[in-house]
Amino acid sequence: MVDAIVADALGQSSNADPQAAVQSDEPDQETPIMSNAQEEGAFLPAEGEGLLAMDMRAELESINAVDSVYVLPGADFRSDGFDPDGFFFSFWNGYLVGKTDATPDTCLMAPVNLPAGVTMVDMYATVIDNSPTSYIWLSLYRLDNYTGAVLELGKMQTTPAFADPTLVTIYDASIAYPDVSYPYYSYYIGGCIPSTTINLYSIRIYYH
């Protein structure tokens, strides 16, 4: 175990036993036409907006005592299919991170299964963004199961100019259409991790 932890800390991009050789028989994948990358010129928050330097204390100060929380760890995410090999999840450190060939098209998704009838209050994510040019964004979406219409209910992101090697919390305190209604709607998180210096640890959605 110690050898595996040390190897990962040195940048090893595999969770396999470091003593064992791993081979893959999967064929090369064709490049899809569509991408979930951030649109050119999309809205970016002002520096510091939607960002907490202190995680737990600052986050919990804004939470009502009756609120509950839905936690989505990085391990719940999977590729959207455009760049399935562009990211890595570290067992020993608990985060998702872009690989050396990651691009703005290296995007991920995860389902959100909140209890029926609850009202979402706000959402937070623990990340590291130490890239001076790239940024991480994470959006909460709602799918109408009968019409196929999709709405973005909330969004959390850093900015291209932000760079900090420590863990920070990004958040959105105003979720649109916050009432969770089944079977009419489904919910999921989507976002992109375009750099080796951007890590995603977890997302928390508070509700009551």
Protein backbone atom coordinates (compact mmCIF):
# COMPACT_ATOMS: atom_id res chain seq x y z
CA MET A 1 0.00 0.00 0.00
CA VAL A 2 2.80 2.42 0.86
CA ASP A 3 4.43 1.87 -2.55
CA ALA A 4 1.12 2.57 -4.31
CA ILE A 5 0.55 5.79 -2.37
CA VAL A 6 4.05 7.05 -3.11
CA ALA A 7 3.70 6.18 -6.79
CA ASP A 8 0.42 8.08 -7.03
CA ALA A 9 1.91 11.09 -5.30
CA LEU A 10 4.60 11.14 -7.97
CA GLY A 11 2.00 11.39 -10.72
CA GLN A 12 1.31 7.77 -11.59
CA SER A 13 -1.80 7.75 -13.82
CA SER A 14 -3.04 4.29 -12.85
CA ASN A 15 -4.75 2.72 -9.85
CA ALA A 16 -3.44 -0.70 -10.80
CA ASP A 17 -0.94 -2.58 -8.65
CA PRO A 18 2.32 -0.72 -9.46
CA GLN A 19 4.13 -4.08 -9.48
CA ALA A 20 1.88 -5.56 -12.17
CA ALA A 21 1.94 -4.84 -15.91
CA VAL A 22 -1.43 -3.87 -17.36
CA GLN A 23 -2.44 -4.31 -20.98
CA SER A 24 -5.57 -3.18 -22.80
CA ASP A 25 -7.16 -4.82 -25.83
CA GLU A 26 -9.65 -2.00 -26.38
CA PRO A 27 -9.55 -0.56 -29.93
CA ASP A 28 -8.93 3.13 -30.52
CA GLN A 29 -12.15 5.12 -30.37
CA GLU A 30 -13.29 7.39 -33.17
CA THR A 31 -13.61 11.09 -32.31
CA PRO A 32 -17.29 11.99 -31.87
CA ILE A 33 -18.76 15.03 -33.57
CA MET A 34 -20.43 16.58 -30.52
CA SER A 35 -18.82 18.02 -27.40
CA ASN A 36 -20.02 19.31 -24.03
CA ALA A 37 -17.14 21.78 -23.72
CA GLN A 38 -17.91 25.28 -22.47
CA GLU A 39 -19.17 27.51 -25.26
CA GLU A 40 -16.90 30.31 -26.43
CA GLY A 41 -17.71 33.53 -24.60
CA ALA A 42 -19.91 31.85 -22.00
CA PHE A 43 -20.50 33.76 -18.77
CA LEU A 44 -17.72 33.68 -16.21
CA PRO A 45 -18.10 35.01 -12.67
CA ALA A 46 -16.06 37.90 -11.37
CA GLU A 47 -12.88 36.85 -9.58
CA GLY A 48 -13.85 35.52 -6.17
CA GLU A 49 -17.58 35.35 -6.92
CA GLY A 50 -18.98 31.93 -6.05
CA LEU A 51 -15.74 30.95 -4.31
CA LEU A 52 -15.04 30.15 -0.67
CA ALA A 53 -11.46 30.01 0.55
CA MET A 54 -12.48 28.08 3.67
CA ASP A 55 -14.49 24.95 3.03
CA MET A 56 -16.47 23.51 5.92
CA ARG A 57 -16.81 26.50 8.24
CA ALA A 58 -17.87 28.99 5.55
CA GLU A 59 -20.18 26.45 3.93
CA LEU A 60 -21.91 25.39 7.12
CA GLU A 61 -22.44 28.97 8.29
CA SER A 62 -24.93 29.48 5.45
CA ILE A 63 -26.89 26.28 6.04
CA ASN A 64 -30.16 26.08 7.92
CA ALA A 65 -30.28 23.58 10.76
CA VAL A 66 -33.12 21.67 9.07
CA ASP A 67 -31.33 21.27 5.73
CA SER A 68 -30.14 17.85 4.58
CA VAL A 69 -27.30 17.20 2.15
CA TYR A 70 -26.76 14.98 -0.89
CA VAL A 71 -23.06 14.23 -1.42
CA LEU A 72 -21.74 13.28 -4.85
CA PRO A 73 -18.10 12.07 -4.68
CA GLY A 74 -15.73 12.29 -7.61
CA ALA A 75 -15.90 8.51 -7.91
CA ASP A 76 -19.52 8.80 -9.12
CA PHE A 77 -18.54 10.59 -12.33
CA ARG A 78 -17.91 9.03 -15.74
CA SER A 79 -16.94 10.38 -19.13
CA ASP A 80 -19.54 11.98 -21.38
CA GLY A 81 -17.99 9.92 -24.19
CA PHE A 82 -16.03 12.59 -26.03
CA ASP A 83 -12.67 12.03 -24.32
CA PRO A 84 -13.10 8.86 -22.23
CA ASP A 85 -9.37 8.54 -21.49
CA GLY A 86 -8.74 12.19 -20.62
CA PHE A 87 -9.10 11.93 -16.85
CA PHE A 88 -7.97 9.82 -13.92
CA PHE A 89 -9.47 9.06 -10.49
CA SER A 90 -7.01 8.60 -7.62
CA PHE A 91 -8.02 5.93 -5.10
CA TRP A 92 -5.47 7.23 -2.62
CA ASN A 93 -6.33 10.92 -2.88
CA GLY A 94 -10.04 10.78 -3.69
CA TYR A 95 -10.12 13.19 -6.64
CA LEU A 96 -10.65 13.30 -10.40
CA VAL A 97 -7.92 15.03 -12.40
CA GLY A 98 -7.28 15.68 -16.07
CA LYS A 99 -4.49 13.73 -17.77
CA THR A 100 -1.66 15.35 -19.73
CA ASP A 101 -3.71 15.16 -22.94
CA ALA A 102 -6.86 16.65 -21.35
CA THR A 103 -8.59 19.40 -23.31
CA PRO A 104 -11.68 21.62 -22.80
CA ASP A 105 -13.58 18.65 -24.26
CA THR A 106 -12.60 16.39 -21.33
CA CYS A 107 -16.04 16.39 -19.72
CA LEU A 108 -17.83 14.24 -17.15
CA MET A 109 -21.33 13.53 -15.88
CA ALA A 110 -23.02 11.97 -12.86
CA PRO A 111 -26.66 11.30 -11.91
CA VAL A 112 -28.27 13.20 -9.03
CA ASN A 113 -30.85 11.14 -7.13
CA LEU A 114 -32.42 13.43 -4.54
CA PRO A 115 -35.47 12.36 -2.50
CA ALA A 116 -38.83 13.06 -4.14
CA GLY A 117 -40.57 16.27 -3.16
CA VAL A 118 -37.61 18.06 -1.57
CA THR A 119 -36.52 21.61 -2.39
CA MET A 120 -32.89 22.22 -3.33
CA VAL A 121 -31.29 25.20 -1.55
CA ASP A 122 -27.73 25.55 -2.88
CA MET A 123 -24.76 23.48 -4.02
CA TYR A 124 -21.03 23.40 -3.34
CA ALA A 125 -18.00 21.63 -4.81
CA THR A 126 -14.52 21.07 -3.44
CA VAL A 127 -11.88 21.54 -6.14
CA ILE A 128 -8.30 22.50 -6.82
CA ASP A 129 -7.71 24.83 -9.77
CA ASN A 130 -4.02 25.62 -10.11
CA SER A 131 -4.18 26.41 -13.82
CA PRO A 132 -3.57 30.05 -14.85
CA THR A 133 -5.37 29.51 -18.18
CA SER A 134 -8.01 26.78 -17.75
CA TYR A 135 -10.92 26.50 -15.33
CA ILE A 136 -13.40 23.96 -13.99
CA TRP A 137 -17.17 24.35 -14.38
CA LEU A 138 -19.93 22.14 -12.99
CA SER A 139 -23.62 22.53 -13.86
CA LEU A 140 -26.78 21.00 -12.43
CA TYR A 141 -29.26 19.99 -15.14
CA ARG A 142 -32.90 18.92 -15.17
CA LEU A 143 -34.30 16.67 -17.91
CA ASP A 144 -38.02 16.61 -18.67
CA ASN A 145 -38.61 12.87 -19.02
CA TYR A 146 -41.59 13.37 -21.36
CA THR A 147 -40.51 16.18 -23.68
CA GLY A 148 -36.72 15.76 -23.63
CA ALA A 149 -36.22 19.42 -22.72
CA VAL A 150 -33.14 20.18 -20.58
CA LEU A 151 -32.64 23.16 -18.26
CA GLU A 152 -29.49 24.28 -16.46
CA LEU A 153 -30.58 24.86 -12.87
CA GLY A 154 -27.29 26.01 -11.36
CA LYS A 155 -23.60 26.42 -12.11
CA MET A 156 -20.32 26.50 -10.18
CA GLN A 157 -16.97 27.46 -11.69
CA THR A 158 -13.59 29.03 -11.24
CA THR A 159 -12.15 31.51 -13.76
CA PRO A 160 -9.29 31.18 -16.30
CA ALA A 161 -7.21 33.67 -14.30
CA PHE A 162 -7.70 31.88 -10.96
CA ALA A 163 -4.80 29.65 -9.86
CA ASP A 164 -4.37 28.23 -6.36
CA PRO A 165 -2.73 24.91 -5.35
CA THR A 166 -4.97 24.53 -2.27
CA LEU A 167 -8.49 23.12 -1.96
CA VAL A 168 -11.24 25.69 -2.41
CA THR A 169 -15.03 25.55 -2.52
CA ILE A 170 -17.04 26.85 -5.46
CA TYR A 171 -20.79 27.23 -5.07
CA ASP A 172 -24.11 28.42 -6.45
CA ALA A 173 -26.55 29.78 -3.87
CA SER A 174 -29.49 30.22 -6.27
CA ILE A 175 -30.82 27.05 -7.89
CA ALA A 176 -33.58 27.60 -10.44
CA TYR A 177 -36.72 25.41 -10.26
CA PRO A 178 -35.50 23.89 -6.98
CA ASP A 179 -38.45 21.55 -6.28
CA VAL A 180 -37.58 17.93 -7.09
CA SER A 181 -40.43 16.24 -8.94
CA TYR A 182 -40.61 12.61 -10.08
CA PRO A 183 -41.44 11.01 -12.47
CA TYR A 184 -41.57 14.22 -14.50
CA TYR A 185 -37.88 15.09 -14.22
CA SER A 186 -34.41 13.56 -13.93
CA TYR A 187 -31.37 15.40 -12.57
CA TYR A 188 -27.64 15.21 -13.25
CA ILE A 189 -24.35 17.11 -12.97
CA GLY A 190 -22.12 17.80 -15.97
CA GLY A 191 -18.79 19.57 -16.20
CA CYS A 192 -15.27 19.56 -17.60
CA ILE A 193 -11.78 19.03 -16.15
CA PRO A 194 -9.40 20.30 -18.87
CA SER A 195 -6.06 20.26 -17.06
CA THR A 196 -3.65 18.17 -14.98
CA THR A 197 -3.72 20.95 -12.38
CA ILE A 198 -7.51 20.81 -11.86
CA ASN A 199 -8.96 18.31 -9.35
CA LEU A 200 -12.56 17.53 -8.42
CA TYR A 201 -13.21 15.98 -5.00
CA SER A 202 -16.95 16.16 -4.33
CA ILE A 203 -20.22 18.04 -4.78
CA ARG A 204 -22.79 18.75 -2.05
CA ILE A 205 -26.38 19.72 -2.77
CA TYR A 206 -28.32 20.99 0.25
CA TYR A 207 -32.09 20.58 0.40
CA HIS A 208 -35.04 20.62 2.76
